[in-house]
Amino acid sequence: MKLIERKQYLDKMINVIGTPDIKVLTGVRRSGKSKLLEAFKAYVQKNITNANIIHINFNLSKYDNLKEYKLLL
């Protein structure tokens, strides 16, 4: 499957790095939200040296023990 580059959306996300607001990415199922976040994560890892990124995919069984919010602390 061909990946559609969402440069405009990625640029919007990059432009709000460092702002204190909470960012929410929404969209219908299978619209590319996860792929956009993967592209954003790659940008941050490449361009921000002190970035602290945690990626948890709750669809994977290895994260089943993190279903309770207290365990994330």
C-alpha atoms as a PDB file:
ATOM      1  CA  MET A   1       0.000   0.000   0.000  1.00  0.00           C
ATOM      2  CA  LYS A   2       1.297   3.451  -0.894  1.00  0.00           C
ATOM      3  CA  LEU A   3       1.857   5.862   1.989  1.00  0.00           C
ATOM      4  CA  ILE A   4       0.294   9.277   1.445  1.00  0.00           C
ATOM      5  CA  GLU A   5       2.605  12.002   2.725  1.00  0.00           C
ATOM      6  CA  ARG A   6       0.729  14.438   4.944  1.00  0.00           C
ATOM      7  CA  LYS A   7       3.282  17.253   4.902  1.00  0.00           C
ATOM      8  CA  GLN A   8       0.754  19.965   5.740  1.00  0.00           C
ATOM      9  CA  TYR A   9      -0.424  18.137   8.866  1.00  0.00           C
ATOM     10  CA  LEU A  10       3.131  17.242   9.858  1.00  0.00           C
ATOM     11  CA  ASP A  11       4.183  20.884   9.502  1.00  0.00           C
ATOM     12  CA  LYS A  12       1.285  21.945  11.744  1.00  0.00           C
ATOM     13  CA  MET A  13       2.419  19.480  14.399  1.00  0.00           C
ATOM     14  CA  ILE A  14       6.031  20.626  14.132  1.00  0.00           C
ATOM     15  CA  ASN A  15       4.985  24.276  14.516  1.00  0.00           C
ATOM     16  CA  VAL A  16       3.366  23.637  17.913  1.00  0.00           C
ATOM     17  CA  ILE A  17       6.343  21.836  19.450  1.00  0.00           C
ATOM     18  CA  GLY A  18       7.121  23.518  22.738  1.00  0.00           C
ATOM     19  CA  THR A  19       3.745  25.168  23.242  1.00  0.00           C
ATOM     20  CA  PRO A  20       2.069  24.394  26.574  1.00  0.00           C
ATOM     21  CA  ASP A  21      -1.257  23.328  25.082  1.00  0.00           C
ATOM     22  CA  ILE A  22      -2.395  19.709  24.936  1.00  0.00           C
ATOM     23  CA  LYS A  23      -2.412  18.444  21.369  1.00  0.00           C
ATOM     24  CA  VAL A  24      -5.120  16.039  20.209  1.00  0.00           C
ATOM     25  CA  LEU A  25      -5.002  14.227  16.893  1.00  0.00           C
ATOM     26  CA  THR A  26      -8.415  13.008  15.737  1.00  0.00           C
ATOM     27  CA  GLY A  27      -9.831  11.426  12.633  1.00  0.00           C
ATOM     28  CA  VAL A  28     -11.924   8.601  11.307  1.00  0.00           C
ATOM     29  CA  ARG A  29     -10.649   5.035  11.450  1.00  0.00           C
ATOM     30  CA  ARG A  30      -7.827   4.218   9.057  1.00  0.00           C
ATOM     31  CA  SER A  31      -7.276   7.833   8.044  1.00  0.00           C
ATOM     32  CA  GLY A  32      -3.535   7.789   8.792  1.00  0.00           C
ATOM     33  CA  LYS A  33      -3.328   9.118  12.355  1.00  0.00           C
ATOM     34  CA  SER A  34      -0.809   6.487  13.440  1.00  0.00           C
ATOM     35  CA  LYS A  35       1.327   6.977  10.340  1.00  0.00           C
ATOM     36  CA  LEU A  36       1.292  10.736  10.900  1.00  0.00           C
ATOM     37  CA  LEU A  37       2.417  10.204  14.491  1.00  0.00           C
ATOM     38  CA  GLU A  38       5.175   7.862  13.292  1.00  0.00           C
ATOM     39  CA  ALA A  39       6.393  10.577  10.904  1.00  0.00           C
ATOM     40  CA  PHE A  40       6.249  13.130  13.722  1.00  0.00           C
ATOM     41  CA  LYS A  41       8.168  10.798  16.034  1.00  0.00           C
ATOM     42  CA  ALA A  42      10.851  10.334  13.363  1.00  0.00           C
ATOM     43  CA  TYR A  43      11.121  14.110  12.940  1.00  0.00           C
ATOM     44  CA  VAL A  44      11.478  14.664  16.689  1.00  0.00           C
ATOM     45  CA  GLN A  45      14.080  11.899  17.070  1.00  0.00           C
ATOM     46  CA  LYS A  46      16.116  13.367  14.224  1.00  0.00           C
ATOM     47  CA  ASN A  47      15.879  17.054  15.147  1.00  0.00           C
ATOM     48  CA  ILE A  48      15.467  17.297  18.927  1.00  0.00           C
ATOM     49  CA  THR A  49      18.425  15.718  20.692  1.00  0.00           C
ATOM     50  CA  ASN A  50      17.008  15.712  24.230  1.00  0.00           C
ATOM     51  CA  ALA A  51      13.566  14.363  23.269  1.00  0.00           C
ATOM     52  CA  ASN A  52      12.070  11.785  25.593  1.00  0.00           C
ATOM     53  CA  ILE A  53       9.673   9.635  23.562  1.00  0.00           C
ATOM     54  CA  ILE A  54       7.572   6.784  24.882  1.00  0.00           C
ATOM     55  CA  HIS A  55       5.662   4.755  22.302  1.00  0.00           C
ATOM     56  CA  ILE A  56       3.068   2.323  23.622  1.00  0.00           C
ATOM     57  CA  ASN A  57       0.862   0.389  21.237  1.00  0.00           C
ATOM     58  CA  PHE A  58      -2.024  -0.878  23.351  1.00  0.00           C
ATOM     59  CA  ASN A  59      -3.044  -3.264  20.558  1.00  0.00           C
ATOM     60  CA  LEU A  60       0.020  -5.406  21.374  1.00  0.00           C
ATOM     61  CA  SER A  61      -0.365  -8.003  24.095  1.00  0.00           C
ATOM     62  CA  LYS A  62       3.030  -7.181  25.610  1.00  0.00           C
ATOM     63  CA  TYR A  63       1.458  -3.977  26.981  1.00  0.00           C
ATOM     64  CA  ASP A  64      -1.560  -5.688  28.559  1.00  0.00           C
ATOM     65  CA  ASN A  65      -0.139  -5.029  32.022  1.00  0.00           C
ATOM     66  CA  LEU A  66      -0.357  -1.263  31.391  1.00  0.00           C
ATOM     67  CA  LYS A  67      -4.137  -1.099  30.985  1.00  0.00           C
ATOM     68  CA  GLU A  68      -4.486   0.548  34.419  1.00  0.00           C
ATOM     69  CA  TYR A  69      -3.345   4.152  34.543  1.00  0.00           C
ATOM     70  CA  LYS A  70      -1.491   3.719  37.864  1.00  0.00           C
ATOM     71  CA  LEU A  71       0.933   1.275  36.249  1.00  0.00           C
ATOM     72  CA  LEU A  72       1.975   3.962  33.766  1.00  0.00           C
ATOM     73  CA  LEU A  73       3.345   6.071  36.615  1.00  0.00           C
END
